[in-house]
Amino acid sequence: MKTFLVRSAAVLLIVFAAACGGADEAGSDHLSSLKEGMTTAQALDAMGTGPLTATYSDTMRVVNGFRRSRYLLSGATFDVVYARDLPGDVTEPVLQANETPVVFRNDTLMGWGWKYYAETAIPKFALPTPLRAIDTMTVQPKPDSVTAPTGAGLMDTATKK
């Protein structure tokens, strides 16, 4: 009987943890109310206000207090809004530890999270990686090296989720 209770408790913990997926991503408090198919306005309203403030020419790169990147690819408009909790500046590089992408296509929420971005958004929509190669390298190149370092790329770090 005791073994049954322990196993039942373990199964419930695993199911609960799976249901709360994404809680370890940056900005997860802003992501909990999102649902695929929402309009951009609905999703931004559900996300609340982010910690970034825009000044001068950065106003186009910030929406609702979150960093935004806009792309026109194959006749579709893509907006990638980066959820985050910590204050910062849009001139900082995008880092997986600080921000989580939320992808919109023609004003419709397609998905969010680094796993979604790496496994779906990049191959399906040809969205560029927002991460600089230097930020994702696992092997640093030698100053006189002319070959690309191994281990660079979004896919290497996207499986952390």
C-alpha atoms as a PDB file:
ATOM      1  CA  MET A   1       0.000   0.000   0.000  1.00  0.00           C
ATOM      2  CA  LYS A   2       2.821   2.388   0.888  1.00  0.00           C
ATOM      3  CA  THR A   3       4.524   1.674  -2.463  1.00  0.00           C
ATOM      4  CA  PHE A   4       1.253   2.405  -4.273  1.00  0.00           C
ATOM      5  CA  LEU A   5       0.921   5.793  -2.559  1.00  0.00           C
ATOM      6  CA  VAL A   6       4.514   6.742  -3.323  1.00  0.00           C
ATOM      7  CA  ARG A   7       4.124   5.768  -6.991  1.00  0.00           C
ATOM      8  CA  SER A   8       0.797   7.605  -7.245  1.00  0.00           C
ATOM      9  CA  ALA A   9       2.340  10.732  -5.758  1.00  0.00           C
ATOM     10  CA  ALA A  10       5.277  10.510  -8.198  1.00  0.00           C
ATOM     11  CA  VAL A  11       2.921  10.152 -11.173  1.00  0.00           C
ATOM     12  CA  LEU A  12       0.852  13.134 -10.020  1.00  0.00           C
ATOM     13  CA  LEU A  13       3.983  15.258  -9.635  1.00  0.00           C
ATOM     14  CA  ILE A  14       5.136  14.361 -13.162  1.00  0.00           C
ATOM     15  CA  VAL A  15       1.709  15.128 -14.646  1.00  0.00           C
ATOM     16  CA  PHE A  16       1.566  18.431 -12.771  1.00  0.00           C
ATOM     17  CA  ALA A  17       5.065  19.396 -13.917  1.00  0.00           C
ATOM     18  CA  ALA A  18       4.213  18.573 -17.542  1.00  0.00           C
ATOM     19  CA  ALA A  19       1.044  20.670 -17.354  1.00  0.00           C
ATOM     20  CA  CYS A  20       3.093  23.629 -16.146  1.00  0.00           C
ATOM     21  CA  GLY A  21       5.629  23.339 -18.981  1.00  0.00           C
ATOM     22  CA  GLY A  22       7.557  26.454 -19.885  1.00  0.00           C
ATOM     23  CA  ALA A  23       7.677  27.750 -16.327  1.00  0.00           C
ATOM     24  CA  ASP A  24      11.466  27.709 -16.488  1.00  0.00           C
ATOM     25  CA  GLU A  25      11.595  30.053 -19.473  1.00  0.00           C
ATOM     26  CA  ALA A  26      12.374  33.730 -19.087  1.00  0.00           C
ATOM     27  CA  GLY A  27       9.198  35.791 -18.887  1.00  0.00           C
ATOM     28  CA  SER A  28       7.080  32.725 -18.097  1.00  0.00           C
ATOM     29  CA  ASP A  29       4.683  34.774 -15.959  1.00  0.00           C
ATOM     30  CA  HIS A  30       3.782  36.715 -19.096  1.00  0.00           C
ATOM     31  CA  LEU A  31       3.226  33.530 -21.143  1.00  0.00           C
ATOM     32  CA  SER A  32       0.805  31.583 -18.955  1.00  0.00           C
ATOM     33  CA  SER A  33      -2.393  33.036 -20.495  1.00  0.00           C
ATOM     34  CA  LEU A  34      -1.378  32.698 -24.162  1.00  0.00           C
ATOM     35  CA  LYS A  35      -3.351  30.518 -26.567  1.00  0.00           C
ATOM     36  CA  GLU A  36      -2.528  29.720 -30.181  1.00  0.00           C
ATOM     37  CA  GLY A  37      -4.671  31.698 -32.613  1.00  0.00           C
ATOM     38  CA  MET A  38      -4.940  34.844 -30.465  1.00  0.00           C
ATOM     39  CA  THR A  39      -4.585  38.153 -32.255  1.00  0.00           C
ATOM     40  CA  THR A  40      -1.540  40.249 -31.460  1.00  0.00           C
ATOM     41  CA  ALA A  41      -3.675  42.662 -29.423  1.00  0.00           C
ATOM     42  CA  GLN A  42      -5.250  39.820 -27.410  1.00  0.00           C
ATOM     43  CA  ALA A  43      -1.868  38.207 -26.729  1.00  0.00           C
ATOM     44  CA  LEU A  44      -0.208  41.478 -25.722  1.00  0.00           C
ATOM     45  CA  ASP A  45      -3.133  42.208 -23.405  1.00  0.00           C
ATOM     46  CA  ALA A  46      -2.762  38.729 -21.850  1.00  0.00           C
ATOM     47  CA  MET A  47       0.999  39.203 -21.477  1.00  0.00           C
ATOM     48  CA  GLY A  48       0.644  42.475 -19.600  1.00  0.00           C
ATOM     49  CA  THR A  49       3.382  45.085 -19.532  1.00  0.00           C
ATOM     50  CA  GLY A  50       7.041  44.241 -19.891  1.00  0.00           C
ATOM     51  CA  PRO A  51       9.998  45.897 -18.180  1.00  0.00           C
ATOM     52  CA  LEU A  52      11.526  47.724 -21.185  1.00  0.00           C
ATOM     53  CA  THR A  53      10.987  51.389 -21.944  1.00  0.00           C
ATOM     54  CA  ALA A  54      11.664  52.876 -25.334  1.00  0.00           C
ATOM     55  CA  THR A  55      13.507  56.096 -25.998  1.00  0.00           C
ATOM     56  CA  TYR A  56      14.077  57.978 -29.229  1.00  0.00           C
ATOM     57  CA  SER A  57      14.543  55.635 -32.196  1.00  0.00           C
ATOM     58  CA  ASP A  58      13.923  52.490 -30.096  1.00  0.00           C
ATOM     59  CA  THR A  59      10.168  53.080 -30.010  1.00  0.00           C
ATOM     60  CA  MET A  60       9.664  50.814 -33.054  1.00  0.00           C
ATOM     61  CA  ARG A  61      11.572  48.005 -31.326  1.00  0.00           C
ATOM     62  CA  VAL A  62       9.481  47.985 -28.140  1.00  0.00           C
ATOM     63  CA  VAL A  63       5.795  47.091 -27.808  1.00  0.00           C
ATOM     64  CA  ASN A  64       3.993  46.929 -24.447  1.00  0.00           C
ATOM     65  CA  GLY A  65       7.362  46.985 -22.698  1.00  0.00           C
ATOM     66  CA  PHE A  66       8.746  43.999 -24.652  1.00  0.00           C
ATOM     67  CA  ARG A  67      11.378  43.831 -27.397  1.00  0.00           C
ATOM     68  CA  ARG A  68       9.887  43.298 -30.869  1.00  0.00           C
ATOM     69  CA  SER A  69      11.443  42.223 -34.150  1.00  0.00           C
ATOM     70  CA  ARG A  70       9.455  42.484 -37.383  1.00  0.00           C
ATOM     71  CA  TYR A  71      10.075  40.525 -40.579  1.00  0.00           C
ATOM     72  CA  LEU A  72       8.418  40.386 -44.001  1.00  0.00           C
ATOM     73  CA  LEU A  73       8.969  36.890 -45.406  1.00  0.00           C
ATOM     74  CA  SER A  74       7.199  35.209 -48.343  1.00  0.00           C
ATOM     75  CA  GLY A  75       4.405  37.770 -48.313  1.00  0.00           C
ATOM     76  CA  ALA A  76       3.675  37.373 -44.591  1.00  0.00           C
ATOM     77  CA  THR A  77       4.413  39.758 -41.757  1.00  0.00           C
ATOM     78  CA  PHE A  78       6.038  38.192 -38.709  1.00  0.00           C
ATOM     79  CA  ASP A  79       6.338  39.878 -35.343  1.00  0.00           C
ATOM     80  CA  VAL A  80       8.478  38.241 -32.698  1.00  0.00           C
ATOM     81  CA  VAL A  81       7.868  39.684 -29.248  1.00  0.00           C
ATOM     82  CA  TYR A  82      10.329  38.678 -26.537  1.00  0.00           C
ATOM     83  CA  ALA A  83       8.802  38.114 -23.089  1.00  0.00           C
ATOM     84  CA  ARG A  84      11.083  38.936 -20.194  1.00  0.00           C
ATOM     85  CA  ASP A  85      10.973  39.724 -16.498  1.00  0.00           C
ATOM     86  CA  LEU A  86      14.173  41.680 -15.936  1.00  0.00           C
ATOM     87  CA  PRO A  87      14.657  45.326 -16.896  1.00  0.00           C
ATOM     88  CA  GLY A  88      17.081  45.907 -19.707  1.00  0.00           C
ATOM     89  CA  ASP A  89      17.775  47.707 -22.931  1.00  0.00           C
ATOM     90  CA  VAL A  90      16.842  46.796 -26.503  1.00  0.00           C
ATOM     91  CA  THR A  91      20.434  47.394 -27.539  1.00  0.00           C
ATOM     92  CA  GLU A  92      21.483  44.321 -25.522  1.00  0.00           C
ATOM     93  CA  PRO A  93      21.767  41.071 -27.497  1.00  0.00           C
ATOM     94  CA  VAL A  94      18.880  38.590 -27.320  1.00  0.00           C
ATOM     95  CA  LEU A  95      19.810  35.892 -24.809  1.00  0.00           C
ATOM     96  CA  GLN A  96      17.795  32.763 -24.112  1.00  0.00           C
ATOM     97  CA  ALA A  97      18.383  33.184 -20.396  1.00  0.00           C
ATOM     98  CA  ASN A  98      16.660  36.599 -20.415  1.00  0.00           C
ATOM     99  CA  GLU A  99      13.933  36.475 -23.082  1.00  0.00           C
ATOM    100  CA  THR A 100      11.457  34.048 -24.651  1.00  0.00           C
ATOM    101  CA  PRO A 101      10.139  34.557 -28.219  1.00  0.00           C
ATOM    102  CA  VAL A 102       6.419  34.813 -28.975  1.00  0.00           C
ATOM    103  CA  VAL A 103       5.782  34.440 -32.726  1.00  0.00           C
ATOM    104  CA  PHE A 104       2.952  36.138 -34.637  1.00  0.00           C
ATOM    105  CA  ARG A 105       2.211  35.628 -38.336  1.00  0.00           C
ATOM    106  CA  ASN A 106      -0.137  38.170 -39.951  1.00  0.00           C
ATOM    107  CA  ASP A 107      -1.497  39.231 -36.535  1.00  0.00           C
ATOM    108  CA  THR A 108      -2.097  35.616 -35.345  1.00  0.00           C
ATOM    109  CA  LEU A 109      -0.213  33.941 -32.500  1.00  0.00           C
ATOM    110  CA  MET A 110       1.552  30.902 -33.924  1.00  0.00           C
ATOM    111  CA  GLY A 111       3.527  29.737 -30.870  1.00  0.00           C
ATOM    112  CA  TRP A 112       6.086  30.682 -28.235  1.00  0.00           C
ATOM    113  CA  GLY A 113       9.185  29.421 -26.495  1.00  0.00           C
ATOM    114  CA  TRP A 114      12.691  28.638 -27.717  1.00  0.00           C
ATOM    115  CA  LYS A 115      11.766  25.064 -28.581  1.00  0.00           C
ATOM    116  CA  TYR A 116       8.934  26.299 -30.822  1.00  0.00           C
ATOM    117  CA  TYR A 117      11.209  28.920 -32.372  1.00  0.00           C
ATOM    118  CA  ALA A 118      14.000  26.447 -33.120  1.00  0.00           C
ATOM    119  CA  GLU A 119      11.896  23.479 -34.228  1.00  0.00           C
ATOM    120  CA  THR A 120       9.057  25.241 -36.054  1.00  0.00           C
ATOM    121  CA  ALA A 121       9.531  28.957 -36.711  1.00  0.00           C
ATOM    122  CA  ILE A 122      13.010  28.761 -38.199  1.00  0.00           C
ATOM    123  CA  PRO A 123      12.470  25.782 -40.542  1.00  0.00           C
ATOM    124  CA  LYS A 124       8.808  26.444 -41.448  1.00  0.00           C
ATOM    125  CA  PHE A 125       8.795  30.229 -41.775  1.00  0.00           C
ATOM    126  CA  ALA A 126      12.515  30.870 -42.391  1.00  0.00           C
ATOM    127  CA  LEU A 127      12.723  33.270 -39.466  1.00  0.00           C
ATOM    128  CA  PRO A 128      16.304  34.236 -38.663  1.00  0.00           C
ATOM    129  CA  THR A 129      17.922  33.322 -35.403  1.00  0.00           C
ATOM    130  CA  PRO A 130      17.983  36.336 -33.106  1.00  0.00           C
ATOM    131  CA  LEU A 131      21.015  34.976 -31.314  1.00  0.00           C
ATOM    132  CA  ARG A 132      24.420  36.147 -32.413  1.00  0.00           C
ATOM    133  CA  ALA A 133      26.811  33.340 -33.288  1.00  0.00           C
ATOM    134  CA  ILE A 134      29.228  34.457 -30.612  1.00  0.00           C
ATOM    135  CA  ASP A 135      26.472  34.063 -27.965  1.00  0.00           C
ATOM    136  CA  THR A 136      25.735  30.460 -28.920  1.00  0.00           C
ATOM    137  CA  MET A 137      29.236  29.092 -29.458  1.00  0.00           C
ATOM    138  CA  THR A 138      30.283  26.194 -27.344  1.00  0.00           C
ATOM    139  CA  VAL A 139      33.820  26.335 -28.761  1.00  0.00           C
ATOM    140  CA  GLN A 140      35.582  29.649 -29.133  1.00  0.00           C
ATOM    141  CA  PRO A 141      37.501  30.119 -32.407  1.00  0.00           C
ATOM    142  CA  LYS A 142      41.196  30.802 -32.324  1.00  0.00           C
ATOM    143  CA  PRO A 143      42.122  34.315 -33.485  1.00  0.00           C
ATOM    144  CA  ASP A 144      43.916  32.976 -36.573  1.00  0.00           C
ATOM    145  CA  SER A 145      41.257  30.373 -37.412  1.00  0.00           C
ATOM    146  CA  VAL A 146      39.510  30.637 -40.774  1.00  0.00           C
ATOM    147  CA  THR A 147      37.060  27.791 -40.242  1.00  0.00           C
ATOM    148  CA  ALA A 148      33.706  28.078 -38.517  1.00  0.00           C
ATOM    149  CA  PRO A 149      33.660  26.854 -34.939  1.00  0.00           C
ATOM    150  CA  THR A 150      31.784  23.676 -34.155  1.00  0.00           C
ATOM    151  CA  GLY A 151      28.787  23.659 -31.885  1.00  0.00           C
ATOM    152  CA  ALA A 152      27.475  27.075 -32.902  1.00  0.00           C
ATOM    153  CA  GLY A 153      23.777  27.520 -33.423  1.00  0.00           C
ATOM    154  CA  LEU A 154      20.362  27.929 -31.850  1.00  0.00           C
ATOM    155  CA  MET A 155      19.494  24.251 -31.958  1.00  0.00           C
ATOM    156  CA  ASP A 156      22.343  23.377 -29.566  1.00  0.00           C
ATOM    157  CA  THR A 157      20.949  25.574 -26.804  1.00  0.00           C
ATOM    158  CA  ALA A 158      17.235  25.356 -27.618  1.00  0.00           C
ATOM    159  CA  THR A 159      16.887  21.868 -26.172  1.00  0.00           C
ATOM    160  CA  LYS A 160      17.335  23.212 -22.632  1.00  0.00           C
ATOM    161  CA  LYS A 161      13.562  23.607 -22.251  1.00  0.00           C
END
